[in-house]
C-alpha atoms as a PDB file:
ATOM      1  CA  MET A   1     156.183  25.468  84.180  1.00  0.00           C
ATOM      2  CA  LYS A   2     153.801  28.441  84.130  1.00  0.00           C
ATOM      3  CA  ILE A   3     152.407  29.225  80.697  1.00  0.00           C
ATOM      4  CA  ASP A   4     151.299  32.756  79.881  1.00  0.00           C
ATOM      5  CA  GLU A   5     147.529  32.670  80.351  1.00  0.00           C
ATOM      6  CA  GLU A   6     146.851  35.164  77.573  1.00  0.00           C
ATOM      7  CA  VAL A   7     146.608  33.638  74.114  1.00  0.00           C
ATOM      8  CA  GLN A   8     149.325  35.144  71.921  1.00  0.00           C
ATOM      9  CA  GLU A   9     148.334  37.252  68.927  1.00  0.00           C
ATOM     10  CA  VAL A  10     150.053  36.080  65.745  1.00  0.00           C
ATOM     11  CA  ILE A  11     150.816  38.433  62.887  1.00  0.00           C
ATOM     12  CA  GLY A  12     151.372  37.648  59.224  1.00  0.00           C
ATOM     13  CA  LYS A  13     155.076  36.957  58.973  1.00  0.00           C
ATOM     14  CA  GLU A  14     155.088  34.866  62.172  1.00  0.00           C
ATOM     15  CA  PHE A  15     152.088  32.744  61.188  1.00  0.00           C
ATOM     16  CA  ASP A  16     153.676  29.947  59.132  1.00  0.00           C
ATOM     17  CA  ASN A  17     156.395  29.436  61.715  1.00  0.00           C
ATOM     18  CA  PHE A  18     153.841  29.499  64.561  1.00  0.00           C
ATOM     19  CA  ILE A  19     151.711  26.672  63.085  1.00  0.00           C
ATOM     20  CA  LYS A  20     154.452  24.477  61.590  1.00  0.00           C
ATOM     21  CA  SER A  21     154.881  21.894  64.335  1.00  0.00           C
ATOM     22  CA  GLY A  22     152.525  20.006  66.609  1.00  0.00           C
ATOM     23  CA  PHE A  23     148.919  20.910  67.333  1.00  0.00           C
ATOM     24  CA  VAL A  24     148.111  24.613  67.048  1.00  0.00           C
ATOM     25  CA  LEU A  25     144.696  26.227  67.487  1.00  0.00           C
ATOM     26  CA  ILE A  26     144.235  29.625  65.860  1.00  0.00           C
ATOM     27  CA  ASP A  27     141.344  31.885  66.826  1.00  0.00           C
ATOM     28  CA  PHE A  28     140.385  34.243  63.996  1.00  0.00           C
ATOM     29  CA  PHE A  29     138.640  37.143  65.742  1.00  0.00           C
ATOM     30  CA  ALA A  30     137.829  40.869  65.645  1.00  0.00           C
ATOM     31  CA  GLU A  31     137.776  43.416  68.472  1.00  0.00           C
ATOM     32  CA  TRP A  32     134.174  44.420  67.610  1.00  0.00           C
ATOM     33  CA  CYS A  33     132.811  40.838  67.615  1.00  0.00           C
ATOM     34  CA  MET A  34     130.813  40.130  70.801  1.00  0.00           C
ATOM     35  CA  PRO A  35     130.892  36.297  70.448  1.00  0.00           C
ATOM     36  CA  CYS A  36     134.689  36.579  69.964  1.00  0.00           C
ATOM     37  CA  LEU A  37     134.982  38.571  73.188  1.00  0.00           C
ATOM     38  CA  MET A  38     132.811  35.982  74.958  1.00  0.00           C
ATOM     39  CA  MET A  39     135.166  33.206  73.781  1.00  0.00           C
ATOM     40  CA  GLU A  40     138.326  34.943  75.006  1.00  0.00           C
ATOM     41  CA  PRO A  41     138.196  33.733  78.649  1.00  0.00           C
ATOM     42  CA  ILE A  42     137.326  30.220  77.434  1.00  0.00           C
ATOM     43  CA  LEU A  43     140.343  30.221  75.120  1.00  0.00           C
ATOM     44  CA  ASN A  44     142.587  31.443  77.922  1.00  0.00           C
ATOM     45  CA  GLU A  45     141.312  28.579  80.125  1.00  0.00           C
ATOM     46  CA  LEU A  46     141.863  26.003  77.387  1.00  0.00           C
ATOM     47  CA  ASN A  47     145.296  27.476  76.669  1.00  0.00           C
ATOM     48  CA  GLU A  48     146.228  26.706  80.253  1.00  0.00           C
ATOM     49  CA  LYS A  49     144.519  23.301  80.335  1.00  0.00           C
ATOM     50  CA  PHE A  50     146.079  22.030  77.085  1.00  0.00           C
ATOM     51  CA  ALA A  51     149.435  23.814  77.571  1.00  0.00           C
ATOM     52  CA  GLU A  52     151.493  20.662  77.024  1.00  0.00           C
ATOM     53  CA  LYS A  53     149.477  19.442  74.026  1.00  0.00           C
ATOM     54  CA  ILE A  54     148.199  22.380  71.959  1.00  0.00           C
ATOM     55  CA  LYS A  55     149.701  25.777  71.241  1.00  0.00           C
ATOM     56  CA  PHE A  56     147.103  28.565  71.051  1.00  0.00           C
ATOM     57  CA  GLY A  57     147.258  31.731  68.988  1.00  0.00           C
ATOM     58  CA  LYS A  58     144.863  34.345  67.683  1.00  0.00           C
ATOM     59  CA  VAL A  59     144.670  36.376  64.489  1.00  0.00           C
ATOM     60  CA  ASN A  60     142.873  39.703  64.236  1.00  0.00           C
ATOM     61  CA  ILE A  61     141.012  39.557  60.914  1.00  0.00           C
ATOM     62  CA  ASP A  62     140.940  43.357  60.631  1.00  0.00           C
ATOM     63  CA  SER A  63     144.717  43.737  60.733  1.00  0.00           C
ATOM     64  CA  GLU A  64     145.479  40.384  59.056  1.00  0.00           C
ATOM     65  CA  LYS A  65     143.067  40.378  56.100  1.00  0.00           C
ATOM     66  CA  VAL A  66     145.414  38.280  53.945  1.00  0.00           C
ATOM     67  CA  LEU A  67     145.482  35.445  56.497  1.00  0.00           C
ATOM     68  CA  ALA A  68     141.703  35.620  56.935  1.00  0.00           C
ATOM     69  CA  GLN A  69     141.246  35.330  53.160  1.00  0.00           C
ATOM     70  CA  LYS A  70     143.833  32.548  52.854  1.00  0.00           C
ATOM     71  CA  PHE A  71     141.816  30.394  55.269  1.00  0.00           C
ATOM     72  CA  ASN A  72     138.440  31.505  53.884  1.00  0.00           C
ATOM     73  CA  VAL A  73     137.338  33.040  57.198  1.00  0.00           C
ATOM     74  CA  LYS A  74     133.908  34.529  56.519  1.00  0.00           C
ATOM     75  CA  SER A  75     132.289  34.169  59.955  1.00  0.00           C
ATOM     76  CA  ILE A  76     133.848  34.776  63.349  1.00  0.00           C
ATOM     77  CA  PRO A  77     134.756  33.541  65.830  1.00  0.00           C
ATOM     78  CA  ASN A  78     136.468  30.994  63.622  1.00  0.00           C
ATOM     79  CA  PHE A  79     138.874  28.445  65.078  1.00  0.00           C
ATOM     80  CA  ILE A  80     141.235  26.350  63.008  1.00  0.00           C
ATOM     81  CA  LEU A  81     143.139  23.422  64.486  1.00  0.00           C
ATOM     82  CA  PHE A  82     146.399  22.657  62.682  1.00  0.00           C
ATOM     83  CA  LYS A  83     148.722  19.704  63.030  1.00  0.00           C
ATOM     84  CA  ASN A  84     152.212  20.272  61.656  1.00  0.00           C
ATOM     85  CA  GLY A  85     150.935  23.159  59.522  1.00  0.00           C
ATOM     86  CA  LYS A  86     147.972  21.279  58.006  1.00  0.00           C
ATOM     87  CA  ILE A  87     144.318  21.982  58.834  1.00  0.00           C
ATOM     88  CA  VAL A  88     142.802  19.201  60.946  1.00  0.00           C
ATOM     89  CA  GLN A  89     139.467  20.799  61.793  1.00  0.00           C
ATOM     90  CA  GLN A  90     137.673  24.135  61.664  1.00  0.00           C
ATOM     91  CA  PHE A  91     135.009  25.277  64.151  1.00  0.00           C
ATOM     92  CA  VAL A  92     132.843  28.336  63.534  1.00  0.00           C
ATOM     93  CA  GLY A  93     130.879  30.234  66.165  1.00  0.00           C
ATOM     94  CA  ALA A  94     130.841  30.562  69.918  1.00  0.00           C
ATOM     95  CA  MET A  95     130.508  27.419  72.020  1.00  0.00           C
ATOM     96  CA  SER A  96     130.703  26.342  75.631  1.00  0.00           C
ATOM     97  CA  GLN A  97     134.036  25.457  77.170  1.00  0.00           C
ATOM     98  CA  ASP A  98     132.909  21.838  77.557  1.00  0.00           C
ATOM     99  CA  ASP A  99     131.941  21.543  73.879  1.00  0.00           C
ATOM    100  CA  PHE A 100     135.187  23.164  72.782  1.00  0.00           C
ATOM    101  CA  GLU A 101     137.219  20.887  75.037  1.00  0.00           C
ATOM    102  CA  GLU A 102     135.488  17.791  73.630  1.00  0.00           C
ATOM    103  CA  LYS A 103     136.248  18.881  70.062  1.00  0.00           C
ATOM    104  CA  LEU A 104     139.926  19.359  70.924  1.00  0.00           C
ATOM    105  CA  LYS A 105     140.178  16.038  72.780  1.00  0.00           C
ATOM    106  CA  GLU A 106     139.017  14.206  69.630  1.00  0.00           C
ATOM    107  CA  HIS A 107     142.341  15.113  68.008  1.00  0.00           C
ATOM    108  CA  ILE A 108     144.938  14.740  70.727  1.00  0.00           C
END
């Protein structure tokens, strides 16, 4: 089964449904954020690698201010790992693919 390599952007009304079951990693980002842009190919890689275990999504903090405030996103990139709609862990800042992968493997 081929998964779309691009991480799907999630908008407000879809968000709760998107995170409600299983492991879901949300990337809170902005188009103007250089570290966010640097993380994009890493996220796409991890999306493919963890396709059967974690669902990936991203939220643009400029167009989804309410979601950013709800999860207290003050610095980006900001990644929140959910399990069945509940926050499991939050990572802030850019990191290597290996570091990111290790953090995800701790939970699955």
